[in-house]
Amino acid sequence: MADSEHPKIPEKGLGHDEVLEMLRRFKEGDANYRDSKTWSLVYYLGEEHTRFLIDAFALYFSENALNPMAFKSLKRFEHEVVRMSAALLQGDGNVVGTMTSGGTESCLLPVMAYRDRAAAKKVFRSRKPEMIAPESIHVAWEKAARYFGVKMVHAPLRSDLRVDVEAVRKRINKNTVLIVGSAPSYPHGVIDPIGELGALALEHNLPFHVDSCLGGFLLPFVEQLGGEVPPFDFRVPGVTSISADVHKYGYSAKGASVILYRDMDYLKHQFFVHESWPGGVFISPALLGTRPGGAIAAAWAALKALGMDGYLELARRVMETTRALQEGIRSIPELEILSNPEMSVFAYRSTAKKANIYAVGDVMEEQGWLVDRLQRPEALHAMVTPLHERIVDKFVTDLKQSVERVLADPSLAKQGNAALYGMIAKVPLRGLVKKEVLKMMEQIYGPEMKMPY
């Protein structure tokens, strides 16, 4: 292997312009989000908003929110982001919380906090506390369960892809420390029966978290626009905490999220204090030690600059675009949309055996679209943002042509990613799938970075 494939810090530093040009060149093969070709990962509002976020971020590029006494402005920003988020999600003056680095941290923290709260109150009797969540819960909760030694207990979904509340009830036992629901679920874009889950949590005196990382900064505005959004926030009795990502439909810079608790009785179990460290008393409100100031400042800036009127208009554009896309997909006889999503996230699948949906995804990617795949059921996934309004017709046309191409050439289902995803979706031994994926990860993150494609 050539030396260039074993990168080392250069003996002599390169010029700034040269390095920046290298960065621009390396981006050429990345997903094309600027032309709205992506359906996940990026929430892009255009260059003007991006430049504004960059400027806000840059003003606090070097600041560290670890010590709120050193950078009081960052603590003010965090406090105001939490208060603005709490008001948006119908919280009263007792609601408290922190900013986090993103949705995953906002899912990790309540698992840790509720585990420790239960331990402090001695409410579970085994050495393995349990949490109950829908099968459709975001994978970050699986990670949280593994990291913090909490057993994940899955509850099945109803035919409408929302969690079966009676199944949740049957899974509650003396070791349950937390119930979780989605608003909405990432795979299907549907809101779990939050009201019923809240009542169940109250009945059993259990904490209940609503994962609204995806919907927290969109659903309130969809509701204002007359959308059929069932109560999912602090209006629901029994809801003790909510997570919402500012860097998703809050259109802030990555990574910024909030975790909100109904009152300090819950949040205090999230705090970490170590009083005997030789370096001094260490206090941390969330997982990270160093807390990048730029992300906090940019989140505050986004909320202030867009305002309620701006978010309402963006929500209107998103939902109109979602409806147009769904109508276009429904116009293709071989496709159907799963369930009845409440917002801009949805999945669609093939109703024709010869129109392999993963092969359709492959053909779409040949045309420059970055399309996510789901399994169980096999489907493609879309997350709509405001700028997708300009590509609706093109996307639907390309999708229709892709379906026609797959129908005309069934062999496409046995090639490329279609063959890989099809195999993974059908393997009954999930441990075998995990083993093979781990091998792939070892290659990607190994010393030679062998990409699978």
Protein backbone atom coordinates (compact mmCIF):
# COMPACT_ATOMS: atom_id res chain seq x y z
CA MET A 1 0.00 0.00 0.00
CA ALA A 2 1.29 3.45 -0.90
CA ASP A 3 2.43 5.83 1.83
CA SER A 4 -0.46 8.17 0.91
CA GLU A 5 -2.84 5.48 2.11
CA HIS A 6 -1.21 5.55 5.57
CA PRO A 7 -1.82 9.19 6.53
CA LYS A 8 0.63 10.89 8.85
CA ILE A 9 0.82 14.42 10.16
CA PRO A 10 2.87 16.21 7.45
CA GLU A 11 6.44 17.11 8.35
CA LYS A 12 5.69 20.65 7.23
CA GLY A 13 2.27 22.14 7.56
CA LEU A 14 0.31 22.93 4.41
CA GLY A 15 -1.08 26.31 3.53
CA HIS A 16 -4.62 27.16 4.60
CA ASP A 17 -5.83 27.59 1.03
CA GLU A 18 -4.37 24.25 -0.01
CA VAL A 19 -6.02 22.42 2.89
CA LEU A 20 -9.37 24.07 2.25
CA GLU A 21 -9.19 23.12 -1.40
CA MET A 22 -8.50 19.52 -0.41
CA LEU A 23 -11.57 19.57 1.83
CA ARG A 24 -13.71 20.88 -1.03
CA ARG A 25 -12.38 18.21 -3.35
CA PHE A 26 -13.05 15.41 -0.89
CA LYS A 27 -16.70 16.54 -0.60
CA GLU A 28 -17.37 15.94 -4.29
CA GLY A 29 -18.41 12.32 -3.78
CA ASP A 30 -20.63 12.98 -0.76
CA ALA A 31 -24.42 12.95 -0.66
CA ASN A 32 -25.94 15.93 -2.51
CA TYR A 33 -28.07 17.61 0.15
CA ARG A 34 -27.82 21.10 -1.36
CA ASP A 35 -29.96 19.98 -4.30
CA SER A 36 -32.41 18.24 -1.93
CA LYS A 37 -31.31 14.78 -3.04
CA THR A 38 -31.12 13.40 0.50
CA TRP A 39 -34.02 12.13 2.62
CA SER A 40 -32.32 12.01 6.02
CA LEU A 41 -29.28 13.27 7.94
CA VAL A 42 -29.44 16.93 6.84
CA TYR A 43 -32.01 19.68 7.56
CA TYR A 44 -30.86 22.32 5.11
CA LEU A 45 -32.62 25.67 4.64
CA GLY A 46 -30.24 27.14 2.07
CA GLU A 47 -26.99 29.05 2.10
CA GLU A 48 -28.28 32.23 3.77
CA HIS A 49 -29.49 30.38 6.87
CA THR A 50 -26.37 28.20 6.85
CA ARG A 51 -24.09 31.25 6.79
CA PHE A 52 -26.06 32.75 9.67
CA LEU A 53 -25.59 29.57 11.74
CA ILE A 54 -21.89 29.47 10.87
CA ASP A 55 -21.49 33.07 12.06
CA ALA A 56 -23.36 32.35 15.30
CA PHE A 57 -21.33 29.18 15.86
CA ALA A 58 -18.05 30.97 15.10
CA LEU A 59 -18.71 33.64 17.74
CA TYR A 60 -18.49 30.86 20.34
CA PHE A 61 -16.18 28.50 18.47
CA SER A 62 -13.63 28.17 21.30
CA GLU A 63 -15.92 28.60 24.30
CA ASN A 64 -16.66 25.61 26.53
CA ALA A 65 -19.94 25.35 28.44
CA LEU A 66 -18.43 22.89 30.94
CA ASN A 67 -18.02 25.74 33.44
CA PRO A 68 -21.10 27.97 33.46
CA MET A 69 -19.29 30.46 35.69
CA ALA A 70 -16.56 31.01 33.11
CA PHE A 71 -18.93 31.58 30.18
CA LYS A 72 -22.11 33.00 31.66
CA SER A 73 -23.46 33.88 28.23
CA LEU A 74 -23.52 30.19 27.25
CA LYS A 75 -25.41 29.30 30.40
CA ARG A 76 -27.90 32.03 29.55
CA PHE A 77 -28.32 30.64 26.04
CA GLU A 78 -28.80 27.10 27.34
CA HIS A 79 -31.31 28.29 29.92
CA GLU A 80 -33.28 30.22 27.32
CA VAL A 81 -33.26 27.35 24.82
CA VAL A 82 -34.60 25.05 27.54
CA ARG A 83 -37.29 27.57 28.54
CA MET A 84 -38.33 28.24 24.93
CA SER A 85 -38.48 24.50 24.25
CA ALA A 86 -40.48 23.87 27.42
CA ALA A 87 -43.02 26.53 26.46
CA LEU A 88 -43.34 25.10 22.95
CA LEU A 89 -44.03 21.66 24.45
CA GLN A 90 -46.65 23.01 26.88
CA GLY A 91 -44.50 22.78 29.99
CA ASP A 92 -45.17 24.92 33.06
CA GLY A 93 -42.67 26.92 35.08
CA ASN A 94 -41.41 23.82 36.89
CA VAL A 95 -40.09 22.13 33.73
CA VAL A 96 -36.30 21.94 33.73
CA GLY A 97 -33.66 20.43 31.48
CA THR A 98 -30.35 20.70 29.69
CA MET A 99 -29.05 20.96 26.18
CA THR A 100 -27.25 17.93 24.77
CA SER A 101 -25.06 17.07 21.80
CA GLY A 102 -27.94 15.47 19.89
CA GLY A 103 -30.79 13.00 19.97
CA THR A 104 -28.69 10.06 21.09
CA GLU A 105 -27.48 11.86 24.20
CA SER A 106 -31.05 13.00 24.86
CA CYS A 107 -32.10 9.33 24.81
CA LEU A 108 -29.16 8.06 26.84
CA LEU A 109 -29.61 10.49 29.70
CA PRO A 110 -33.17 9.66 30.81
CA VAL A 111 -32.33 5.95 30.90
CA MET A 112 -29.44 6.68 33.22
CA ALA A 113 -31.44 9.18 35.28
CA TYR A 114 -34.48 6.94 35.73
CA ARG A 115 -32.31 3.94 36.51
CA ASP A 116 -30.53 5.89 39.23
CA ARG A 117 -33.78 7.41 40.49
CA ALA A 118 -35.28 3.95 40.86
CA ALA A 119 -32.15 2.71 42.63
CA ALA A 120 -32.26 5.66 45.04
CA LYS A 121 -35.91 4.98 45.80
CA LYS A 122 -35.28 1.21 45.89
CA VAL A 123 -38.26 0.53 43.65
CA PHE A 124 -36.88 -2.45 41.75
CA ARG A 125 -35.80 -5.69 43.31
CA SER A 126 -33.43 -7.36 40.87
CA ARG A 127 -29.97 -6.29 39.78
CA LYS A 128 -31.33 -5.69 36.26
CA PRO A 129 -33.78 -2.79 35.95
CA GLU A 130 -36.07 -2.87 32.90
CA MET A 131 -37.51 -0.34 30.48
CA ILE A 132 -40.48 -0.92 28.15
CA ALA A 133 -40.47 0.58 24.67
CA PRO A 134 -42.19 -0.06 21.32
CA GLU A 135 -40.50 -2.30 18.77
CA SER A 136 -40.27 0.84 16.61
CA ILE A 137 -38.37 2.87 19.21
CA HIS A 138 -35.30 4.65 17.90
CA VAL A 139 -32.16 2.55 18.08
CA ALA A 140 -30.56 5.11 20.41
CA TRP A 141 -32.68 3.62 23.19
CA GLU A 142 -31.21 0.20 22.48
CA LYS A 143 -27.79 1.78 22.86
CA ALA A 144 -28.85 3.41 26.13
CA ALA A 145 -30.10 0.11 27.49
CA ARG A 146 -26.80 -1.56 26.67
CA TYR A 147 -24.63 1.27 28.00
CA PHE A 148 -26.45 1.60 31.32
CA GLY A 149 -27.27 -2.02 32.08
CA VAL A 150 -31.02 -1.70 31.68
CA LYS A 151 -32.95 -4.55 30.11
CA MET A 152 -34.88 -3.47 27.01
CA VAL A 153 -38.36 -4.99 26.96
CA HIS A 154 -40.07 -4.53 23.61
CA ALA A 155 -43.81 -4.12 23.17
CA PRO A 156 -45.32 -5.11 19.80
CA LEU A 157 -47.06 -2.71 17.41
CA ARG A 158 -50.69 -2.61 16.44
CA SER A 159 -51.72 -2.88 12.79
CA ASP A 160 -51.41 0.92 12.50
CA LEU A 161 -47.74 0.65 13.58
CA ARG A 162 -48.36 2.33 16.94
CA VAL A 163 -47.45 0.52 20.14
CA ASP A 164 -50.00 -1.85 21.68
CA VAL A 165 -50.76 -0.29 25.08
CA GLU A 166 -52.20 -3.49 26.51
CA ALA A 167 -48.97 -5.27 25.57
CA VAL A 168 -47.08 -2.57 27.49
CA ARG A 169 -49.34 -3.13 30.49
CA LYS A 170 -48.64 -6.86 30.49
CA ARG A 171 -44.88 -6.25 30.50
CA ILE A 172 -44.81 -4.03 33.58
CA ASN A 173 -43.30 -5.74 36.59
CA LYS A 174 -41.46 -4.97 39.82
CA ASN A 175 -38.25 -4.19 37.90
CA THR A 176 -39.71 -1.69 35.44
CA VAL A 177 -38.13 1.76 35.86
CA LEU A 178 -39.29 3.51 32.67
CA ILE A 179 -41.83 3.49 29.84
CA VAL A 180 -40.99 5.13 26.50
CA GLY A 181 -43.17 6.20 23.57
CA SER A 182 -42.42 7.97 20.26
CA ALA A 183 -43.83 11.20 18.86
CA PRO A 184 -43.31 10.24 16.12
CA SER A 185 -41.48 6.96 15.54
CA TYR A 186 -38.53 7.32 13.20
CA PRO A 187 -39.32 4.36 10.89
CA HIS A 188 -43.01 5.10 10.28
CA GLY A 189 -43.70 8.69 11.33
CA VAL A 190 -46.63 7.78 13.60
CA ILE A 191 -47.30 8.95 17.14
CA ASP A 192 -47.73 6.28 19.79
CA PRO A 193 -50.85 6.49 22.03
CA ILE A 194 -49.18 8.96 24.39
CA GLY A 195 -52.34 9.69 26.40
CA GLU A 196 -52.95 6.02 27.11
CA LEU A 197 -49.32 5.39 27.96
CA GLY A 198 -49.33 8.39 30.30
CA ALA A 199 -52.37 7.03 32.13
CA LEU A 200 -50.68 3.65 32.41
CA ALA A 201 -47.53 5.26 33.81
CA LEU A 202 -49.57 7.15 36.41
CA GLU A 203 -51.43 4.00 37.36
CA HIS A 204 -48.17 2.20 38.10
CA ASN A 205 -46.28 5.26 39.39
CA LEU A 206 -43.65 4.96 36.64
CA PRO A 207 -41.71 7.62 34.74
CA PHE A 208 -42.81 8.03 31.12
CA HIS A 209 -40.56 9.56 28.48
CA VAL A 210 -41.74 10.84 25.11
CA ASP A 211 -39.06 10.60 22.44
CA SER A 212 -39.89 13.61 20.28
CA CYS A 213 -36.37 14.17 19.01
CA LEU A 214 -37.83 14.13 15.51
CA GLY A 215 -41.14 15.89 16.08
CA GLY A 216 -40.58 18.27 18.97
CA PHE A 217 -39.91 21.30 16.79
CA LEU A 218 -42.45 20.42 14.08
CA LEU A 219 -45.54 18.79 15.60
CA PRO A 220 -46.59 21.88 17.63
CA PHE A 221 -46.70 23.89 14.42
CA VAL A 222 -48.45 21.14 12.46
CA GLU A 223 -51.09 21.23 15.20
CA GLN A 224 -51.41 25.02 14.84
CA LEU A 225 -51.95 24.53 11.11
CA GLY A 226 -54.91 22.28 11.84
CA GLY A 227 -53.14 18.96 11.52
CA GLU A 228 -54.53 15.99 13.43
CA VAL A 229 -51.86 15.80 16.12
CA PRO A 230 -52.92 14.03 19.32
CA PRO A 231 -51.55 15.54 22.55
CA PHE A 232 -48.03 14.21 23.04
CA ASP A 233 -46.31 16.78 25.27
CA PHE A 234 -46.48 18.00 28.88
CA ARG A 235 -50.25 18.49 28.53
CA VAL A 236 -50.52 14.71 28.90
CA PRO A 237 -50.69 13.62 32.56
CA GLY A 238 -48.01 11.04 33.24
CA VAL A 239 -45.41 12.42 30.84
CA THR A 240 -42.33 13.05 32.96
CA SER A 241 -39.78 13.93 30.26
CA ILE A 242 -39.45 14.80 26.57
CA SER A 243 -36.49 14.93 24.20
CA ALA A 244 -36.46 17.19 21.13
CA ASP A 245 -33.66 17.92 18.66
CA VAL A 246 -33.02 21.55 17.80
CA HIS A 247 -30.73 20.47 14.96
CA LYS A 248 -33.58 18.65 13.19
CA TYR A 249 -36.76 20.64 12.60
CA GLY A 250 -35.40 23.43 14.79
CA TYR A 251 -32.95 24.01 11.89
CA SER A 252 -29.95 24.66 14.11
CA ALA A 253 -26.36 23.58 13.66
CA LYS A 254 -25.37 20.06 14.68
CA GLY A 255 -25.32 18.94 17.39
CA ALA A 256 -28.01 20.43 19.54
CA SER A 257 -30.89 18.80 21.37
CA VAL A 258 -32.80 19.31 24.60
CA ILE A 259 -33.89 16.89 27.32
CA LEU A 260 -36.74 18.27 29.44
CA TYR A 261 -38.09 16.93 32.74
CA ARG A 262 -41.38 17.85 34.42
CA ASP A 263 -39.50 19.02 37.53
CA MET A 264 -36.18 18.87 39.34
CA ASP A 265 -37.09 15.65 41.16
CA TYR A 266 -36.30 13.87 37.89
CA LEU A 267 -33.49 16.02 36.43
CA LYS A 268 -31.34 15.86 39.57
CA HIS A 269 -30.66 12.18 38.90
CA GLN A 270 -29.02 13.15 35.60
CA PHE A 271 -26.32 15.28 37.28
CA PHE A 272 -22.86 13.87 37.86
CA VAL A 273 -20.80 15.13 40.80
CA HIS A 274 -17.42 13.82 41.91
CA GLU A 275 -16.21 15.63 44.98
CA SER A 276 -12.87 13.85 45.66
CA TRP A 277 -10.97 14.27 42.40
CA PRO A 278 -7.50 15.82 42.88
CA GLY A 279 -8.37 18.21 40.07
CA GLY A 280 -11.19 19.70 42.11
CA VAL A 281 -14.89 19.09 42.54
CA PHE A 282 -16.20 17.98 39.13
CA ILE A 283 -19.79 18.73 38.15
CA SER A 284 -21.43 17.76 34.87
CA PRO A 285 -25.12 18.24 33.96
CA ALA A 286 -25.08 15.84 30.99
CA LEU A 287 -22.83 13.20 29.39
CA LEU A 288 -20.19 15.42 27.85
CA GLY A 289 -17.41 17.08 29.78
CA THR A 290 -16.36 19.61 27.18
CA ARG A 291 -19.57 21.12 25.83
CA PRO A 292 -18.97 23.01 22.56
CA GLY A 293 -20.21 26.56 22.91
CA GLY A 294 -20.83 27.01 19.19
CA ALA A 295 -23.67 24.49 19.04
CA ILE A 296 -25.42 26.08 22.02
CA ALA A 297 -25.08 29.60 20.60
CA ALA A 298 -26.28 28.50 17.15
CA ALA A 299 -29.34 26.77 18.65
CA TRP A 300 -30.28 29.92 20.54
CA ALA A 301 -29.69 31.98 17.39
CA ALA A 302 -31.87 29.72 15.23
CA LEU A 303 -34.82 29.90 17.65
CA LYS A 304 -34.52 33.68 17.96
CA ALA A 305 -34.08 34.32 14.23
CA LEU A 306 -36.82 32.03 12.91
CA GLY A 307 -39.38 32.81 15.57
CA MET A 308 -42.81 31.25 15.90
CA ASP A 309 -43.95 32.77 12.62
CA GLY A 310 -40.93 31.41 10.77
CA TYR A 311 -41.37 27.92 12.17
CA LEU A 312 -45.07 27.98 11.33
CA GLU A 313 -44.33 28.89 7.71
CA LEU A 314 -41.64 26.22 7.45
CA ALA A 315 -44.06 23.65 8.87
CA ARG A 316 -46.67 24.67 6.30
CA ARG A 317 -44.17 24.17 3.47
CA VAL A 318 -43.01 20.83 4.89
CA MET A 319 -46.52 19.42 5.23
CA GLU A 320 -47.67 20.64 1.81
CA THR A 321 -44.60 19.04 0.29
CA THR A 322 -45.22 15.84 2.25
CA ARG A 323 -48.78 15.62 0.95
CA ALA A 324 -47.63 16.24 -2.63
CA LEU A 325 -44.97 13.54 -2.35
CA GLN A 326 -47.39 11.05 -0.86
CA GLU A 327 -49.94 11.73 -3.60
CA GLY A 328 -47.22 11.15 -6.17
CA ILE A 329 -46.18 7.87 -4.56
CA ARG A 330 -49.80 6.71 -4.33
CA SER A 331 -50.19 7.43 -8.04
CA ILE A 332 -47.73 4.61 -8.74
CA PRO A 333 -49.87 1.43 -8.65
CA GLU A 334 -47.08 -0.79 -7.33
CA LEU A 335 -46.37 1.36 -4.24
CA GLU A 336 -48.17 2.13 -0.99
CA ILE A 337 -47.45 4.28 2.05
CA LEU A 338 -47.33 2.51 5.40
CA SER A 339 -49.93 3.53 7.97
CA ASN A 340 -51.11 7.15 8.30
CA PRO A 341 -48.22 9.33 9.45
CA GLU A 342 -48.98 12.54 11.37
CA MET A 343 -46.02 14.47 10.04
CA SER A 344 -43.27 14.61 7.46
CA VAL A 345 -41.68 11.22 8.06
CA PHE A 346 -43.06 8.16 6.32
CA ALA A 347 -42.21 4.83 4.72
CA TYR A 348 -43.44 3.34 1.45
CA ARG A 349 -43.22 -0.18 0.09
CA SER A 350 -44.00 -2.27 -2.96
CA THR A 351 -47.31 -4.08 -3.37
CA ALA A 352 -46.06 -5.99 -6.41
CA LYS A 353 -43.81 -8.99 -5.89
CA LYS A 354 -41.81 -8.21 -9.05
CA ALA A 355 -41.18 -4.62 -7.98
CA ASN A 356 -38.52 -5.30 -5.33
CA ILE A 357 -38.46 -2.15 -3.22
CA TYR A 358 -34.75 -2.41 -2.45
CA ALA A 359 -34.00 -2.64 -6.17
CA VAL A 360 -36.13 0.47 -6.67
CA GLY A 361 -33.93 2.18 -4.06
CA ASP A 362 -30.80 1.12 -5.94
CA VAL A 363 -32.09 2.56 -9.21
CA MET A 364 -33.03 5.81 -7.44
CA GLU A 365 -29.51 6.06 -6.07
CA GLU A 366 -28.11 5.65 -9.58
CA GLN A 367 -29.98 8.88 -10.31
CA GLY A 368 -28.38 10.67 -7.36
CA TRP A 369 -31.03 10.22 -4.67
CA LEU A 370 -29.90 9.10 -1.20
CA VAL A 371 -32.69 6.76 -0.08
CA ASP A 372 -32.83 5.00 3.29
CA ARG A 373 -34.02 1.38 3.57
CA LEU A 374 -36.18 -0.16 6.27
CA GLN A 375 -36.61 -3.79 7.22
CA ARG A 376 -39.59 -5.55 8.77
CA PRO A 377 -41.44 -4.57 6.65
CA GLU A 378 -39.17 -4.00 3.66
CA ALA A 379 -39.63 -0.37 2.66
CA LEU A 380 -38.00 2.90 1.67
CA HIS A 381 -38.00 5.91 3.98
CA ALA A 382 -38.47 9.66 3.52
CA MET A 383 -37.98 12.61 5.85
CA VAL A 384 -39.24 15.79 4.21
CA THR A 385 -37.68 19.24 4.68
CA PRO A 386 -38.81 22.62 3.29
CA LEU A 387 -36.49 22.65 0.27
CA HIS A 388 -37.84 19.32 -0.95
CA GLU A 389 -40.74 21.36 -2.34
CA ARG A 390 -38.65 22.18 -5.40
CA ILE A 391 -37.99 18.56 -6.40
CA VAL A 392 -41.34 16.84 -5.85
CA ASP A 393 -42.15 16.36 -9.54
CA LYS A 394 -38.62 15.19 -10.38
CA PHE A 395 -38.57 12.72 -7.53
CA VAL A 396 -41.96 11.21 -8.37
CA THR A 397 -41.00 10.94 -12.06
CA ASP A 398 -37.71 9.22 -11.21
CA LEU A 399 -39.48 6.93 -8.73
CA LYS A 400 -42.05 5.88 -11.31
CA GLN A 401 -39.35 5.19 -13.88
CA SER A 402 -37.35 3.23 -11.31
CA VAL A 403 -40.33 1.01 -10.54
CA GLU A 404 -40.88 0.43 -14.26
CA ARG A 405 -37.23 -0.48 -14.73
CA VAL A 406 -37.31 -2.99 -11.87
CA LEU A 407 -40.50 -4.53 -13.23
CA ALA A 408 -38.86 -4.90 -16.62
CA ASP A 409 -35.66 -6.40 -15.17
CA PRO A 410 -36.31 -8.63 -12.10
CA SER A 411 -32.62 -9.51 -11.97
CA LEU A 412 -31.99 -6.10 -10.36
CA ALA A 413 -33.37 -7.57 -7.12
CA LYS A 414 -30.36 -9.90 -7.03
CA GLN A 415 -27.73 -7.22 -7.51
CA GLY A 416 -26.02 -4.56 -5.41
CA ASN A 417 -27.62 -3.23 -2.26
CA ALA A 418 -30.95 -4.83 -3.16
CA ALA A 419 -29.41 -8.28 -2.80
CA LEU A 420 -27.62 -7.28 0.43
CA TYR A 421 -30.65 -5.68 2.10
CA GLY A 422 -32.94 -8.43 0.87
CA MET A 423 -30.69 -11.06 2.39
CA ILE A 424 -30.35 -9.20 5.70
CA ALA A 425 -34.11 -8.65 5.98
CA LYS A 426 -34.85 -12.34 5.51
CA VAL A 427 -32.13 -13.92 7.67
CA PRO A 428 -33.99 -15.45 10.63
CA LEU A 429 -30.89 -15.65 12.84
CA ARG A 430 -30.39 -12.00 13.79
CA GLY A 431 -27.21 -12.89 15.68
CA LEU A 432 -25.68 -13.92 12.37
CA VAL A 433 -26.60 -10.54 10.87
CA LYS A 434 -25.01 -8.77 13.84
CA LYS A 435 -21.84 -10.82 13.46
CA GLU A 436 -21.48 -9.95 9.77
CA VAL A 437 -22.21 -6.26 10.35
CA LEU A 438 -19.59 -6.17 13.10
CA LYS A 439 -17.05 -7.57 10.63
CA MET A 440 -17.95 -4.78 8.24
CA MET A 441 -17.52 -2.17 11.00
CA GLU A 442 -14.11 -3.58 11.84
CA GLN A 443 -13.09 -3.08 8.22
CA ILE A 444 -14.46 0.46 7.99
CA TYR A 445 -12.80 1.56 11.24
CA GLY A 446 -9.67 -0.58 10.83
CA PRO A 447 -6.21 0.79 9.94
CA GLU A 448 -6.92 0.56 6.20
CA MET A 449 -10.54 1.88 6.22
CA LYS A 450 -12.00 -0.64 3.77
CA MET A 451 -15.37 0.74 2.69
CA PRO A 452 -18.02 -1.89 1.75
CA TYR A 453 -18.80 -0.13 -1.52
